[in-house]
């Protein structure tokens, strides 16, 4: 089923949108950085670990990651143990906020048309 932004979404639609955004973030970060530390690893804490993976990146502000379905992991994303540093969701979100704030405050983002 395809939804427009004005139509209600079920839980799987919302998670799919979120998973694609997380994957796009990892891909864009990898594209913009020289040899960044990014990858995926099986979800070892989940009883359904064969069904879930964690995609991750080591930002200048610290490690971040998201759980996604294993079937959504792109073939080109390297399987690497992230050596999880124990961050919480709140810490991850703060690391993201600090990182994108620094990027937007720098000259990296311009108002020039694409």
Protein backbone atom coordinates (compact mmCIF):
# COMPACT_ATOMS: atom_id res chain seq x y z
CA UNK A 1 0.00 0.00 0.00
CA UNK A 2 1.29 3.43 -0.90
CA UNK A 3 0.53 6.36 1.36
CA UNK A 4 0.75 10.06 0.70
CA UNK A 5 1.96 12.29 3.51
CA UNK A 6 -1.63 13.18 4.37
CA UNK A 7 -2.81 9.58 4.69
CA UNK A 8 -2.38 7.62 7.91
CA UNK A 9 0.54 5.18 7.98
CA UNK A 10 0.68 1.89 9.77
CA UNK A 11 3.62 0.96 11.98
CA UNK A 12 5.48 -0.92 9.24
CA UNK A 13 5.26 2.13 6.92
CA UNK A 14 6.67 4.38 9.63
CA UNK A 15 9.53 1.99 10.38
CA UNK A 16 10.32 1.60 6.69
CA UNK A 17 10.55 5.40 6.31
CA UNK A 18 12.79 5.61 9.38
CA UNK A 19 14.99 2.71 8.23
CA UNK A 20 15.47 4.29 4.81
CA UNK A 21 16.39 7.59 6.45
CA UNK A 22 18.95 5.85 8.67
CA UNK A 23 20.42 4.04 5.63
CA UNK A 24 20.52 7.30 3.66
CA UNK A 25 22.31 9.00 6.54
CA UNK A 26 24.98 6.28 6.67
CA UNK A 27 25.43 6.42 2.87
CA UNK A 28 25.68 10.23 2.79
CA UNK A 29 28.09 10.30 5.69
CA UNK A 30 30.25 7.68 3.96
CA UNK A 31 30.14 9.64 0.71
CA UNK A 32 31.16 12.93 2.36
CA UNK A 33 33.92 11.63 4.62
CA UNK A 34 37.25 10.11 3.66
CA UNK A 35 37.22 6.49 4.77
CA UNK A 36 34.65 6.83 7.55
CA UNK A 37 34.03 4.10 10.05
CA UNK A 38 30.59 2.77 9.08
CA UNK A 39 29.09 -0.68 8.81
CA UNK A 40 26.51 -3.14 10.03
CA UNK A 41 26.52 -5.95 12.57
CA UNK A 42 23.97 -8.62 13.54
CA UNK A 43 21.77 -7.60 16.47
CA UNK A 44 23.30 -9.79 19.16
CA UNK A 45 20.93 -8.65 21.94
CA UNK A 46 17.79 -9.70 20.08
CA UNK A 47 16.34 -13.21 20.23
CA UNK A 48 15.61 -12.64 16.54
CA UNK A 49 19.20 -11.63 15.77
CA UNK A 50 19.05 -13.30 12.39
CA UNK A 51 16.24 -10.92 11.44
CA UNK A 52 17.74 -7.64 12.73
CA UNK A 53 20.96 -5.73 12.23
CA UNK A 54 22.50 -2.56 13.59
CA UNK A 55 23.83 -0.05 11.07
CA UNK A 56 26.34 2.30 12.63
CA UNK A 57 28.77 5.17 12.09
CA UNK A 58 31.51 6.66 14.22
CA UNK A 59 30.89 10.41 14.02
CA UNK A 60 33.35 12.99 15.32
CA UNK A 61 30.91 13.33 18.26
CA UNK A 62 30.73 9.57 18.95
CA UNK A 63 29.17 6.35 17.76
CA UNK A 64 25.56 6.21 16.50
CA UNK A 65 23.47 3.31 15.23
CA UNK A 66 20.01 2.09 14.34
CA UNK A 67 18.29 -1.29 14.31
CA UNK A 68 16.94 -2.24 10.89
CA UNK A 69 15.73 -5.45 9.28
CA UNK A 70 18.61 -7.60 8.02
CA UNK A 71 16.98 -7.78 4.60
CA UNK A 72 17.29 -3.97 4.33
CA UNK A 73 21.09 -3.94 4.82
CA UNK A 74 22.64 -2.95 1.46
CA UNK A 75 25.15 -5.37 -0.03
CA UNK A 76 27.87 -2.71 -0.19
CA UNK A 77 27.77 -1.80 3.52
CA UNK A 78 30.67 -3.61 5.21
CA UNK A 79 29.96 -6.10 7.99
CA UNK A 80 32.13 -4.78 10.82
CA UNK A 81 31.93 -5.15 14.58
CA UNK A 82 31.35 -1.58 15.83
CA UNK A 83 32.80 -2.29 19.29
CA UNK A 84 29.63 -0.77 20.77
CA UNK A 85 30.49 1.92 23.30
CA UNK A 86 27.31 1.50 25.36
CA UNK A 87 25.52 4.69 24.28
CA UNK A 88 21.83 5.12 25.08
CA UNK A 89 19.22 6.42 22.65
CA UNK A 90 19.38 9.82 24.36
CA UNK A 91 23.18 9.88 24.06
CA UNK A 92 22.96 8.85 20.40
CA UNK A 93 20.49 11.64 19.68
CA UNK A 94 22.70 14.17 21.47
CA UNK A 95 25.72 13.02 19.43
CA UNK A 96 23.69 13.50 16.24
CA UNK A 97 22.48 16.93 17.35
CA UNK A 98 26.02 18.05 18.23
CA UNK A 99 27.35 16.76 14.92
CA UNK A 100 24.74 18.30 12.62
CA UNK A 101 24.81 21.58 14.57
CA UNK A 102 28.56 21.81 13.97
CA UNK A 103 28.06 21.00 10.26
CA UNK A 104 25.31 23.60 9.82
CA UNK A 105 27.35 26.20 11.72
CA UNK A 106 30.31 25.63 9.38
CA UNK A 107 30.69 26.55 5.72
CA UNK A 108 29.83 22.97 4.71
CA UNK A 109 26.19 23.86 4.03
CA UNK A 110 25.46 26.60 1.52
CA UNK A 111 22.35 28.26 0.21
CA UNK A 112 23.49 27.84 -3.38
CA UNK A 113 20.90 26.12 -5.57
CA UNK A 114 21.60 22.54 -6.56
